[in-house]
C-alpha atoms as a PDB file:
ATOM      1  CA  MET A   1     106.798  54.431 298.200  1.00  0.00           C
ATOM      2  CA  ARG A   2     104.697  54.498 301.352  1.00  0.00           C
ATOM      3  CA  VAL A   3     106.309  53.291 304.573  1.00  0.00           C
ATOM      4  CA  VAL A   4     104.263  52.769 307.752  1.00  0.00           C
ATOM      5  CA  GLY A   5     105.003  51.650 311.292  1.00  0.00           C
ATOM      6  CA  TYR A   6     103.118  49.081 313.357  1.00  0.00           C
ATOM      7  CA  CYS A   7     103.170  49.002 317.179  1.00  0.00           C
ATOM      8  CA  ARG A   8     101.404  46.608 319.535  1.00  0.00           C
ATOM      9  CA  LEU A   9     101.311  46.185 323.284  1.00  0.00           C
ATOM     10  CA  SER A  10      99.549  43.676 325.498  1.00  0.00           C
ATOM     11  CA  ARG A  11      99.080  44.376 329.195  1.00  0.00           C
ATOM     12  CA  ASP A  12     100.082  40.816 330.114  1.00  0.00           C
ATOM     13  CA  GLU A  13     103.546  41.116 328.547  1.00  0.00           C
ATOM     14  CA  ASP A  14     106.647  40.612 330.660  1.00  0.00           C
ATOM     15  CA  LYS A  15     107.212  44.082 332.127  1.00  0.00           C
ATOM     16  CA  GLU A  16     110.995  43.700 331.938  1.00  0.00           C
ATOM     17  CA  ASN A  17     111.070  42.859 328.242  1.00  0.00           C
ATOM     18  CA  TYR A  18     108.442  44.925 326.498  1.00  0.00           C
ATOM     19  CA  SER A  19     108.796  48.356 324.952  1.00  0.00           C
ATOM     20  CA  SER A  20     106.028  50.880 325.398  1.00  0.00           C
ATOM     21  CA  ILE A  21     104.139  52.165 322.376  1.00  0.00           C
ATOM     22  CA  GLU A  22     106.110  55.403 322.425  1.00  0.00           C
ATOM     23  CA  GLU A  23     109.412  53.531 322.691  1.00  0.00           C
ATOM     24  CA  GLN A  24     108.461  51.361 319.722  1.00  0.00           C
ATOM     25  CA  LYS A  25     107.607  54.458 317.674  1.00  0.00           C
ATOM     26  CA  VAL A  26     110.994  56.037 318.431  1.00  0.00           C
ATOM     27  CA  ILE A  27     112.800  52.823 317.423  1.00  0.00           C
ATOM     28  CA  LEU A  28     110.922  52.684 314.113  1.00  0.00           C
ATOM     29  CA  GLN A  29     111.442  56.386 313.372  1.00  0.00           C
ATOM     30  CA  ASP A  30     115.186  56.094 314.035  1.00  0.00           C
ATOM     31  CA  TYR A  31     115.457  53.125 311.681  1.00  0.00           C
ATOM     32  CA  ALA A  32     113.415  54.878 308.979  1.00  0.00           C
ATOM     33  CA  ILE A  33     115.767  57.877 309.075  1.00  0.00           C
ATOM     34  CA  THR A  34     118.769  55.620 308.383  1.00  0.00           C
ATOM     35  CA  ARG A  35     117.016  54.446 305.211  1.00  0.00           C
ATOM     36  CA  GLY A  36     115.992  57.938 304.136  1.00  0.00           C
ATOM     37  CA  TRP A  37     112.339  57.239 304.855  1.00  0.00           C
ATOM     38  CA  ARG A  38     109.805  59.309 306.779  1.00  0.00           C
ATOM     39  CA  ILE A  39     106.916  57.983 308.838  1.00  0.00           C
ATOM     40  CA  SER A  40     104.308  60.603 309.658  1.00  0.00           C
ATOM     41  CA  GLU A  41     102.188  60.375 312.798  1.00  0.00           C
ATOM     42  CA  ASP A  42      99.238  59.291 310.650  1.00  0.00           C
ATOM     43  CA  ASP A  43     101.302  56.435 309.238  1.00  0.00           C
ATOM     44  CA  PHE A  44     101.540  54.608 312.558  1.00  0.00           C
ATOM     45  CA  TYR A  45      99.083  51.765 313.162  1.00  0.00           C
ATOM     46  CA  ILE A  46      98.781  51.084 316.880  1.00  0.00           C
ATOM     47  CA  ASP A  47      96.969  48.307 318.768  1.00  0.00           C
ATOM     48  CA  ASP A  48      97.298  49.080 322.463  1.00  0.00           C
ATOM     49  CA  ASN A  49      96.321  46.294 324.883  1.00  0.00           C
ATOM     50  CA  PHE A  50      95.720  43.605 322.247  1.00  0.00           C
ATOM     51  CA  SER A  51      96.999  40.041 322.422  1.00  0.00           C
ATOM     52  CA  GLY A  52      99.447  38.951 319.765  1.00  0.00           C
ATOM     53  CA  TYR A  53      97.917  35.482 319.562  1.00  0.00           C
ATOM     54  CA  THR A  54      95.235  36.696 317.171  1.00  0.00           C
ATOM     55  CA  LEU A  55      95.823  38.695 313.982  1.00  0.00           C
ATOM     56  CA  ASP A  56      92.264  40.005 314.184  1.00  0.00           C
ATOM     57  CA  ARG A  57      93.218  43.376 315.683  1.00  0.00           C
ATOM     58  CA  PRO A  58      91.592  46.679 314.569  1.00  0.00           C
ATOM     59  CA  GLU A  59      94.616  48.669 313.390  1.00  0.00           C
ATOM     60  CA  PHE A  60      96.553  45.627 312.194  1.00  0.00           C
ATOM     61  CA  SER A  61      93.623  44.485 310.045  1.00  0.00           C
ATOM     62  CA  LYS A  62      93.248  47.978 308.595  1.00  0.00           C
ATOM     63  CA  MET A  63      96.958  48.104 307.752  1.00  0.00           C
ATOM     64  CA  ILE A  64      97.107  44.638 306.143  1.00  0.00           C
ATOM     65  CA  LYS A  65      94.088  45.482 303.996  1.00  0.00           C
ATOM     66  CA  LYS A  66      95.992  48.483 302.609  1.00  0.00           C
ATOM     67  CA  VAL A  67      99.041  46.296 301.976  1.00  0.00           C
ATOM     68  CA  HIS A  68      96.839  43.997 299.882  1.00  0.00           C
ATOM     69  CA  THR A  69      95.382  46.911 297.908  1.00  0.00           C
ATOM     70  CA  GLY A  70      98.843  48.303 297.190  1.00  0.00           C
ATOM     71  CA  GLU A  71      98.458  51.462 299.306  1.00  0.00           C
ATOM     72  CA  ILE A  72     101.342  50.397 301.593  1.00  0.00           C
ATOM     73  CA  ASP A  73     104.721  49.177 300.368  1.00  0.00           C
ATOM     74  CA  VAL A  74     106.766  48.703 303.547  1.00  0.00           C
ATOM     75  CA  VAL A  75     105.721  47.872 307.112  1.00  0.00           C
ATOM     76  CA  LEU A  76     108.168  48.467 309.966  1.00  0.00           C
ATOM     77  CA  ALA A  77     107.743  46.777 313.337  1.00  0.00           C
ATOM     78  CA  LYS A  78     110.076  46.445 316.314  1.00  0.00           C
ATOM     79  CA  ASP A  79     110.222  42.646 316.144  1.00  0.00           C
ATOM     80  CA  LEU A  80     108.189  39.664 315.018  1.00  0.00           C
ATOM     81  CA  SER A  81     106.380  39.328 318.341  1.00  0.00           C
ATOM     82  CA  ARG A  82     104.780  42.752 317.696  1.00  0.00           C
ATOM     83  CA  ILE A  83     103.293  41.355 314.487  1.00  0.00           C
ATOM     84  CA  GLY A  84     101.942  38.284 316.227  1.00  0.00           C
ATOM     85  CA  ARG A  85     102.571  35.318 318.504  1.00  0.00           C
ATOM     86  CA  ASN A  86     100.696  32.664 316.535  1.00  0.00           C
ATOM     87  CA  ASN A  87     103.347  30.546 314.802  1.00  0.00           C
ATOM     88  CA  GLY A  88     101.322  29.283 311.835  1.00  0.00           C
ATOM     89  CA  LYS A  89      99.506  32.525 311.069  1.00  0.00           C
ATOM     90  CA  VAL A  90     102.654  34.654 311.222  1.00  0.00           C
ATOM     91  CA  LEU A  91     104.518  32.335 308.833  1.00  0.00           C
ATOM     92  CA  VAL A  92     101.603  32.497 306.390  1.00  0.00           C
ATOM     93  CA  LEU A  93     101.614  36.289 306.671  1.00  0.00           C
ATOM     94  CA  ILE A  94     105.338  36.422 305.848  1.00  0.00           C
ATOM     95  CA  ASP A  95     104.688  34.350 302.712  1.00  0.00           C
ATOM     96  CA  GLU A  96     101.896  36.748 301.731  1.00  0.00           C
ATOM     97  CA  PHE A  97     104.285  39.706 301.937  1.00  0.00           C
ATOM     98  CA  LYS A  98     106.777  37.855 299.736  1.00  0.00           C
ATOM     99  CA  ASN A  99     104.150  36.882 297.155  1.00  0.00           C
ATOM    100  CA  MET A 100     102.882  40.472 296.976  1.00  0.00           C
ATOM    101  CA  GLN A 101     106.466  41.775 296.834  1.00  0.00           C
ATOM    102  CA  LYS A 102     105.673  44.034 299.793  1.00  0.00           C
ATOM    103  CA  ASN A 103     108.250  44.369 302.526  1.00  0.00           C
ATOM    104  CA  LEU A 104     107.990  43.695 306.242  1.00  0.00           C
ATOM    105  CA  ILE A 105     111.047  44.864 308.156  1.00  0.00           C
ATOM    106  CA  LEU A 106     111.580  43.880 311.779  1.00  0.00           C
ATOM    107  CA  VAL A 107     113.937  46.480 313.181  1.00  0.00           C
ATOM    108  CA  SER A 108     115.186  44.587 316.260  1.00  0.00           C
ATOM    109  CA  GLU A 109     114.893  40.946 315.280  1.00  0.00           C
ATOM    110  CA  MET A 110     117.559  38.226 315.648  1.00  0.00           C
ATOM    111  CA  GLY A 111     120.274  40.576 316.931  1.00  0.00           C
ATOM    112  CA  GLY A 112     119.748  43.087 314.148  1.00  0.00           C
ATOM    113  CA  SER A 113     117.060  43.794 311.585  1.00  0.00           C
ATOM    114  CA  TYR A 114     115.167  41.290 309.459  1.00  0.00           C
ATOM    115  CA  ASP A 115     114.001  42.199 305.955  1.00  0.00           C
ATOM    116  CA  VAL A 116     111.380  39.760 304.629  1.00  0.00           C
ATOM    117  CA  LEU A 117     112.200  40.386 300.958  1.00  0.00           C
ATOM    118  CA  ASN A 118     115.981  40.459 301.169  1.00  0.00           C
ATOM    119  CA  ASP A 119     117.192  38.386 304.153  1.00  0.00           C
ATOM    120  CA  ARG A 120     117.348  34.622 304.521  1.00  0.00           C
ATOM    121  CA  ASP A 121     114.708  33.149 306.824  1.00  0.00           C
ATOM    122  CA  ASP A 122     116.378  29.882 307.867  1.00  0.00           C
ATOM    123  CA  THR A 123     115.621  30.433 311.548  1.00  0.00           C
ATOM    124  CA  ILE A 124     112.470  32.560 311.360  1.00  0.00           C
ATOM    125  CA  GLY A 125     110.315  29.510 312.123  1.00  0.00           C
ATOM    126  CA  ILE A 126     112.184  29.061 315.413  1.00  0.00           C
ATOM    127  CA  THR A 127     111.441  32.693 316.298  1.00  0.00           C
ATOM    128  CA  THR A 128     107.715  32.358 315.564  1.00  0.00           C
ATOM    129  CA  TRP A 129     107.591  29.106 317.567  1.00  0.00           C
ATOM    130  CA  TYR A 130     109.295  30.792 320.524  1.00  0.00           C
ATOM    131  CA  ASN A 131     106.911  33.758 320.370  1.00  0.00           C
ATOM    132  CA  GLU A 132     103.900  31.433 320.436  1.00  0.00           C
ATOM    133  CA  ARG A 133     105.444  29.397 323.246  1.00  0.00           C
ATOM    134  CA  TYR A 134     105.788  32.592 325.289  1.00  0.00           C
ATOM    135  CA  VAL A 135     102.126  33.549 325.040  1.00  0.00           C
ATOM    136  CA  LYS A 136     101.035  29.974 325.793  1.00  0.00           C
ATOM    137  CA  ASP A 137     103.233  29.900 328.899  1.00  0.00           C
ATOM    138  CA  CYS A 138     101.740  33.230 330.040  1.00  0.00           C
ATOM    139  CA  SER A 139      98.239  31.887 329.448  1.00  0.00           C
ATOM    140  CA  LYS A 140      98.954  28.729 331.461  1.00  0.00           C
ATOM    141  CA  LYS A 141     100.401  30.741 334.360  1.00  0.00           C
ATOM    142  CA  THR A 142      97.309  32.973 334.342  1.00  0.00           C
ATOM    143  CA  ARG A 143      94.953  29.960 334.342  1.00  0.00           C
ATOM    144  CA  ASP A 144      96.921  28.294 337.163  1.00  0.00           C
ATOM    145  CA  HIS A 145      96.817  31.515 339.195  1.00  0.00           C
ATOM    146  CA  MET A 146      93.065  31.875 338.696  1.00  0.00           C
ATOM    147  CA  TYR A 147      92.491  28.221 339.572  1.00  0.00           C
ATOM    148  CA  SER A 148      94.418  28.682 342.824  1.00  0.00           C
ATOM    149  CA  LYS A 149      92.282  31.679 343.763  1.00  0.00           C
ATOM    150  CA  GLN A 150      89.040  29.944 342.774  1.00  0.00           C
ATOM    151  CA  LYS A 151      89.938  26.922 344.873  1.00  0.00           C
ATOM    152  CA  THR A 152      90.318  29.063 347.984  1.00  0.00           C
ATOM    153  CA  GLY A 153      87.254  31.200 347.297  1.00  0.00           C
ATOM    154  CA  ARG A 154      89.259  34.370 346.699  1.00  0.00           C
ATOM    155  CA  LEU A 155      88.302  35.105 343.108  1.00  0.00           C
ATOM    156  CA  ILE A 156      85.069  36.767 342.085  1.00  0.00           C
ATOM    157  CA  MET A 157      84.898  37.478 338.381  1.00  0.00           C
ATOM    158  CA  GLY A 158      82.846  40.252 336.806  1.00  0.00           C
ATOM    159  CA  ASN A 159      79.724  41.776 338.341  1.00  0.00           C
ATOM    160  CA  HIS A 160      76.916  40.062 340.197  1.00  0.00           C
ATOM    161  CA  TYR A 161      73.371  41.374 339.786  1.00  0.00           C
ATOM    162  CA  GLY A 162      72.211  42.424 343.237  1.00  0.00           C
ATOM    163  CA  TYR A 163      75.634  42.548 344.868  1.00  0.00           C
ATOM    164  CA  ILE A 164      78.361  45.190 345.194  1.00  0.00           C
ATOM    165  CA  LYS A 165      82.052  44.369 345.525  1.00  0.00           C
ATOM    166  CA  ASP A 166      84.080  45.799 348.370  1.00  0.00           C
ATOM    167  CA  LYS A 167      86.461  48.378 346.831  1.00  0.00           C
ATOM    168  CA  ASP A 168      89.308  47.361 349.131  1.00  0.00           C
ATOM    169  CA  ASP A 169      88.690  43.615 348.971  1.00  0.00           C
ATOM    170  CA  PRO A 170      87.125  42.379 345.680  1.00  0.00           C
ATOM    171  CA  THR A 171      86.425  38.957 347.218  1.00  0.00           C
ATOM    172  CA  LYS A 172      83.771  40.453 349.510  1.00  0.00           C
ATOM    173  CA  LEU A 173      80.196  41.066 348.412  1.00  0.00           C
ATOM    174  CA  TYR A 174      77.562  43.339 349.918  1.00  0.00           C
ATOM    175  CA  ILE A 175      73.892  43.468 349.017  1.00  0.00           C
ATOM    176  CA  ASP A 176      72.833  46.198 346.609  1.00  0.00           C
ATOM    177  CA  GLU A 177      69.731  47.456 348.407  1.00  0.00           C
ATOM    178  CA  ASP A 178      68.336  48.956 345.176  1.00  0.00           C
ATOM    179  CA  ILE A 179      68.269  45.541 343.485  1.00  0.00           C
ATOM    180  CA  LYS A 180      67.422  43.366 346.485  1.00  0.00           C
ATOM    181  CA  PRO A 181      63.617  43.931 346.160  1.00  0.00           C
ATOM    182  CA  VAL A 182      63.420  42.642 342.555  1.00  0.00           C
ATOM    183  CA  ILE A 183      65.346  39.469 343.429  1.00  0.00           C
ATOM    184  CA  GLN A 184      62.977  38.787 346.319  1.00  0.00           C
ATOM    185  CA  LEU A 185      59.950  39.619 344.130  1.00  0.00           C
ATOM    186  CA  ILE A 186      61.006  37.175 341.402  1.00  0.00           C
ATOM    187  CA  PHE A 187      61.361  34.298 343.871  1.00  0.00           C
ATOM    188  CA  LYS A 188      58.056  35.172 345.592  1.00  0.00           C
ATOM    189  CA  LEU A 189      56.080  35.369 342.349  1.00  0.00           C
ATOM    190  CA  TYR A 190      57.527  32.100 341.076  1.00  0.00           C
ATOM    191  CA  ILE A 191      56.757  30.225 344.315  1.00  0.00           C
ATOM    192  CA  ASP A 192      53.238  31.745 344.280  1.00  0.00           C
ATOM    193  CA  GLY A 193      52.628  30.017 340.946  1.00  0.00           C
ATOM    194  CA  TYR A 194      53.505  32.640 338.348  1.00  0.00           C
ATOM    195  CA  GLY A 195      55.375  31.370 335.296  1.00  0.00           C
ATOM    196  CA  MET A 196      58.526  32.992 333.979  1.00  0.00           C
ATOM    197  CA  LYS A 197      56.689  34.642 331.080  1.00  0.00           C
ATOM    198  CA  LYS A 198      54.128  36.164 333.448  1.00  0.00           C
ATOM    199  CA  ILE A 199      56.885  37.407 335.765  1.00  0.00           C
ATOM    200  CA  THR A 200      58.655  39.160 332.858  1.00  0.00           C
ATOM    201  CA  ASP A 201      55.366  40.844 331.900  1.00  0.00           C
ATOM    202  CA  ILE A 202      54.858  42.068 335.468  1.00  0.00           C
ATOM    203  CA  LEU A 203      58.399  43.445 335.701  1.00  0.00           C
ATOM    204  CA  ASN A 204      58.202  45.173 332.323  1.00  0.00           C
ATOM    205  CA  GLU A 205      54.752  46.681 332.891  1.00  0.00           C
ATOM    206  CA  LYS A 206      54.601  47.520 336.603  1.00  0.00           C
ATOM    207  CA  TYR A 207      58.176  48.084 337.766  1.00  0.00           C
ATOM    208  CA  SER A 208      61.257  50.004 336.690  1.00  0.00           C
ATOM    209  CA  TYR A 209      63.998  47.718 337.984  1.00  0.00           C
ATOM    210  CA  PRO A 210      66.996  47.598 335.620  1.00  0.00           C
ATOM    211  CA  THR A 211      67.650  44.316 333.832  1.00  0.00           C
ATOM    212  CA  PRO A 212      70.962  42.582 334.624  1.00  0.00           C
ATOM    213  CA  SER A 213      72.664  43.841 331.428  1.00  0.00           C
ATOM    214  CA  VAL A 214      71.522  47.431 332.054  1.00  0.00           C
ATOM    215  CA  TYR A 215      72.854  47.093 335.607  1.00  0.00           C
ATOM    216  CA  TYR A 216      76.221  45.735 334.404  1.00  0.00           C
ATOM    217  CA  GLN A 217      76.555  48.506 331.832  1.00  0.00           C
ATOM    218  CA  LYS A 218      75.965  51.106 334.539  1.00  0.00           C
ATOM    219  CA  LYS A 219      78.635  49.537 336.789  1.00  0.00           C
ATOM    220  CA  HIS A 220      81.152  49.571 333.925  1.00  0.00           C
ATOM    221  CA  LEU A 221      80.463  53.233 333.172  1.00  0.00           C
ATOM    222  CA  GLU A 222      80.898  54.148 336.837  1.00  0.00           C
ATOM    223  CA  ARG A 223      84.421  52.704 336.633  1.00  0.00           C
ATOM    224  CA  GLY A 224      85.150  54.404 333.324  1.00  0.00           C
ATOM    225  CA  ARG A 225      84.957  51.151 331.363  1.00  0.00           C
ATOM    226  CA  ILE A 226      83.124  50.181 328.185  1.00  0.00           C
ATOM    227  CA  TYR A 227      80.516  47.414 328.424  1.00  0.00           C
ATOM    228  CA  LYS A 228      81.003  45.320 325.267  1.00  0.00           C
ATOM    229  CA  HIS A 229      78.047  42.957 325.614  1.00  0.00           C
ATOM    230  CA  PRO A 230      74.494  43.444 324.241  1.00  0.00           C
ATOM    231  CA  VAL A 231      72.218  45.445 326.539  1.00  0.00           C
ATOM    232  CA  GLN A 232      68.595  44.317 326.913  1.00  0.00           C
ATOM    233  CA  LYS A 233      66.332  46.917 328.483  1.00  0.00           C
ATOM    234  CA  LEU A 234      63.319  44.617 328.796  1.00  0.00           C
ATOM    235  CA  TRP A 235      63.100  41.618 331.074  1.00  0.00           C
ATOM    236  CA  SER A 236      63.044  38.149 329.473  1.00  0.00           C
ATOM    237  CA  ASP A 237      62.353  34.546 330.523  1.00  0.00           C
ATOM    238  CA  TYR A 238      66.083  33.820 330.212  1.00  0.00           C
ATOM    239  CA  MET A 239      66.942  36.461 332.835  1.00  0.00           C
ATOM    240  CA  ILE A 240      64.347  35.093 335.258  1.00  0.00           C
ATOM    241  CA  LYS A 241      65.653  31.549 334.751  1.00  0.00           C
ATOM    242  CA  ASN A 242      69.243  32.637 335.493  1.00  0.00           C
ATOM    243  CA  ILE A 243      68.241  34.422 338.691  1.00  0.00           C
ATOM    244  CA  LEU A 244      66.132  31.524 339.962  1.00  0.00           C
ATOM    245  CA  GLY A 245      68.977  29.074 339.339  1.00  0.00           C
ATOM    246  CA  ASN A 246      71.768  31.166 340.895  1.00  0.00           C
ATOM    247  CA  ASP A 247      72.559  30.151 344.472  1.00  0.00           C
ATOM    248  CA  ILE A 248      74.587  33.319 345.016  1.00  0.00           C
ATOM    249  CA  TYR A 249      71.315  34.834 346.269  1.00  0.00           C
ATOM    250  CA  CYS A 250      71.211  32.474 349.253  1.00  0.00           C
ATOM    251  CA  GLY A 251      74.768  33.358 350.308  1.00  0.00           C
ATOM    252  CA  THR A 252      76.758  30.779 348.319  1.00  0.00           C
ATOM    253  CA  LEU A 253      79.855  31.572 346.267  1.00  0.00           C
ATOM    254  CA  ARG A 254      80.387  29.144 343.390  1.00  0.00           C
ATOM    255  CA  THR A 255      83.641  29.302 341.396  1.00  0.00           C
ATOM    256  CA  HIS A 256      85.326  27.200 338.682  1.00  0.00           C
ATOM    257  CA  LYS A 257      82.080  26.936 336.720  1.00  0.00           C
ATOM    258  CA  LYS A 258      83.797  27.359 333.342  1.00  0.00           C
ATOM    259  CA  LYS A 259      87.225  26.995 331.783  1.00  0.00           C
ATOM    260  CA  THR A 260      88.921  27.567 328.445  1.00  0.00           C
ATOM    261  CA  LEU A 261      90.956  24.831 326.799  1.00  0.00           C
ATOM    262  CA  SER A 262      93.015  27.079 324.534  1.00  0.00           C
ATOM    263  CA  ILE A 263      94.173  30.698 324.213  1.00  0.00           C
ATOM    264  CA  ARG A 264      91.191  32.888 323.363  1.00  0.00           C
ATOM    265  CA  GLY A 265      89.135  29.728 323.103  1.00  0.00           C
ATOM    266  CA  LYS A 266      85.465  29.530 323.996  1.00  0.00           C
ATOM    267  CA  ALA A 267      84.764  28.893 327.666  1.00  0.00           C
ATOM    268  CA  ILE A 268      83.069  25.558 328.324  1.00  0.00           C
ATOM    269  CA  LYS A 269      80.744  24.847 331.226  1.00  0.00           C
ATOM    270  CA  LEU A 270      82.037  22.442 333.842  1.00  0.00           C
ATOM    271  CA  PRO A 271      79.885  19.828 335.623  1.00  0.00           C
ATOM    272  CA  GLU A 272      78.713  20.766 339.101  1.00  0.00           C
ATOM    273  CA  SER A 273      81.011  18.108 340.570  1.00  0.00           C
ATOM    274  CA  GLU A 274      83.993  20.280 339.535  1.00  0.00           C
ATOM    275  CA  HIS A 275      82.662  23.526 341.037  1.00  0.00           C
ATOM    276  CA  PHE A 276      84.190  25.006 344.184  1.00  0.00           C
ATOM    277  CA  ILE A 277      81.326  25.844 346.519  1.00  0.00           C
ATOM    278  CA  PHE A 278      81.566  28.141 349.565  1.00  0.00           C
ATOM    279  CA  GLU A 279      78.376  28.342 351.598  1.00  0.00           C
ATOM    280  CA  ASN A 280      77.653  31.301 353.911  1.00  0.00           C
ATOM    281  CA  HIS A 281      80.185  33.320 351.947  1.00  0.00           C
ATOM    282  CA  HIS A 282      78.163  36.574 352.006  1.00  0.00           C
ATOM    283  CA  GLU A 283      74.846  37.947 353.208  1.00  0.00           C
ATOM    284  CA  ALA A 284      71.907  36.222 351.537  1.00  0.00           C
ATOM    285  CA  ILE A 285      69.069  38.027 349.743  1.00  0.00           C
ATOM    286  CA  ILE A 286      66.742  35.022 350.006  1.00  0.00           C
ATOM    287  CA  SER A 287      66.841  32.075 352.416  1.00  0.00           C
ATOM    288  CA  PRO A 288      68.297  28.694 351.373  1.00  0.00           C
ATOM    289  CA  GLU A 289      64.819  27.249 351.949  1.00  0.00           C
ATOM    290  CA  THR A 290      63.263  29.703 349.491  1.00  0.00           C
ATOM    291  CA  PHE A 291      65.941  28.938 346.908  1.00  0.00           C
ATOM    292  CA  LYS A 292      65.458  25.177 347.339  1.00  0.00           C
ATOM    293  CA  LEU A 293      61.661  25.422 347.050  1.00  0.00           C
ATOM    294  CA  ALA A 294      61.802  27.576 343.898  1.00  0.00           C
ATOM    295  CA  ASN A 295      64.171  25.148 342.201  1.00  0.00           C
ATOM    296  CA  GLU A 296      62.149  22.099 343.203  1.00  0.00           C
ATOM    297  CA  ILE A 297      59.156  23.750 341.529  1.00  0.00           C
ATOM    298  CA  ARG A 298      61.304  24.526 338.480  1.00  0.00           C
ATOM    299  CA  LYS A 299      62.459  20.893 338.180  1.00  0.00           C
ATOM    300  CA  ARG A 300      58.873  19.627 338.439  1.00  0.00           C
ATOM    301  CA  LYS A 301      57.756  21.997 335.686  1.00  0.00           C
ATOM    302  CA  VAL A 302      60.637  20.932 333.429  1.00  0.00           C
ATOM    303  CA  ALA A 303      59.803  17.243 334.016  1.00  0.00           C
ATOM    304  CA  MET A 304      56.098  17.807 333.305  1.00  0.00           C
ATOM    305  CA  SER A 305      56.899  19.782 330.154  1.00  0.00           C
ATOM    306  CA  SER A 306      59.233  17.049 328.926  1.00  0.00           C
ATOM    307  CA  LYS A 307      56.621  14.371 329.614  1.00  0.00           C
ATOM    308  CA  SER A 308      54.003  16.406 327.775  1.00  0.00           C
ATOM    309  CA  ARG A 309      56.259  16.830 324.725  1.00  0.00           C
ATOM    310  CA  LYS A 310      56.991  13.097 324.629  1.00  0.00           C
ATOM    311  CA  GLY A 311      53.252  12.349 324.818  1.00  0.00           C
ATOM    312  CA  LYS A 312      52.500  14.712 321.929  1.00  0.00           C
ATOM    313  CA  THR A 313      55.285  13.171 319.860  1.00  0.00           C
ATOM    314  CA  LYS A 314      53.955   9.648 320.437  1.00  0.00           C
ATOM    315  CA  LEU A 315      50.430  10.765 319.509  1.00  0.00           C
ATOM    316  CA  PHE A 316      51.696  12.424 316.340  1.00  0.00           C
ATOM    317  CA  LEU A 317      53.630   9.292 315.307  1.00  0.00           C
ATOM    318  CA  TRP A 318      50.615   7.095 316.075  1.00  0.00           C
ATOM    319  CA  ARG A 319      48.411   9.228 313.840  1.00  0.00           C
ATOM    320  CA  ILE A 320      50.964   9.079 311.025  1.00  0.00           C
ATOM    321  CA  LEU A 321      51.061   5.276 311.350  1.00  0.00           C
ATOM    322  CA  GLN A 322      47.255   5.062 311.204  1.00  0.00           C
ATOM    323  CA  MET A 323      47.166   7.207 308.060  1.00  0.00           C
ATOM    324  CA  CYS A 324      49.807   4.994 306.424  1.00  0.00           C
ATOM    325  CA  ARG A 325      47.718   1.880 307.177  1.00  0.00           C
ATOM    326  CA  MET A 326      44.649   3.502 305.614  1.00  0.00           C
ATOM    327  CA  TRP A 327      46.601   4.169 302.422  1.00  0.00           C
END
């Protein structure tokens, strides 16, 4: 019989109530000894800094797959919240263990231990509900805290292409002199009549400025972090469009542009009327007049393109109608 241990820790857990990974391992080892079991170091599955709201965690997924294939017979965890904090999914998982006749033992659950195969589960639904309620409360507090900071212009998320954060005060931005020239060049070329496609060709063929994603990856590496997003080494129309439409380059900080409606849900864009806008927040790379002119040109081009497409559609439909009449 193969017995394994599962440990999980999320950095947003209540610091007074969580057990570290090492503490969880000791608790599981001590329990295993009382049952005459042995858990080797290789038999621990550990997800460090992963939310319990999703069951899609690297080590957890690997472990559950082995439970399904019969390679694991018993899983030990400190309590049910280590397994997960999503009420519905955790209850389904418990039923799966029962149907497979594989055991899940929660060493410190409900004032003692809870054995999925042998103990009654009259109140387990209350426990899973409470665990989910906890993570939802934490998520709400985090969103409220962020909203408060956004409203007062104190929060700057992520990196900004062309700007460097102050190490002592992350709400302050300073111009990155290495990137400043490419921002100014993009606005100049566009105002001079070059299209976005032509600008990307010029940047890719004549210059060696890093694209935004290459720049962000470099900043992450400098801080010892992993950049998880795709990295595009060549300039594209999409990058030019984003730069031309971003008023951060004329000294404006804009926050509360997106929000999530649920835990780990997809962020949705908010209308401009809901943005918090702080003008003259930092040193500008281009003047407000230059930004306004470039975007007036952009709007005219979009309107002309839309009008042209509508005209072509009407012509196409007219020709189809004429052909039908001839038949």
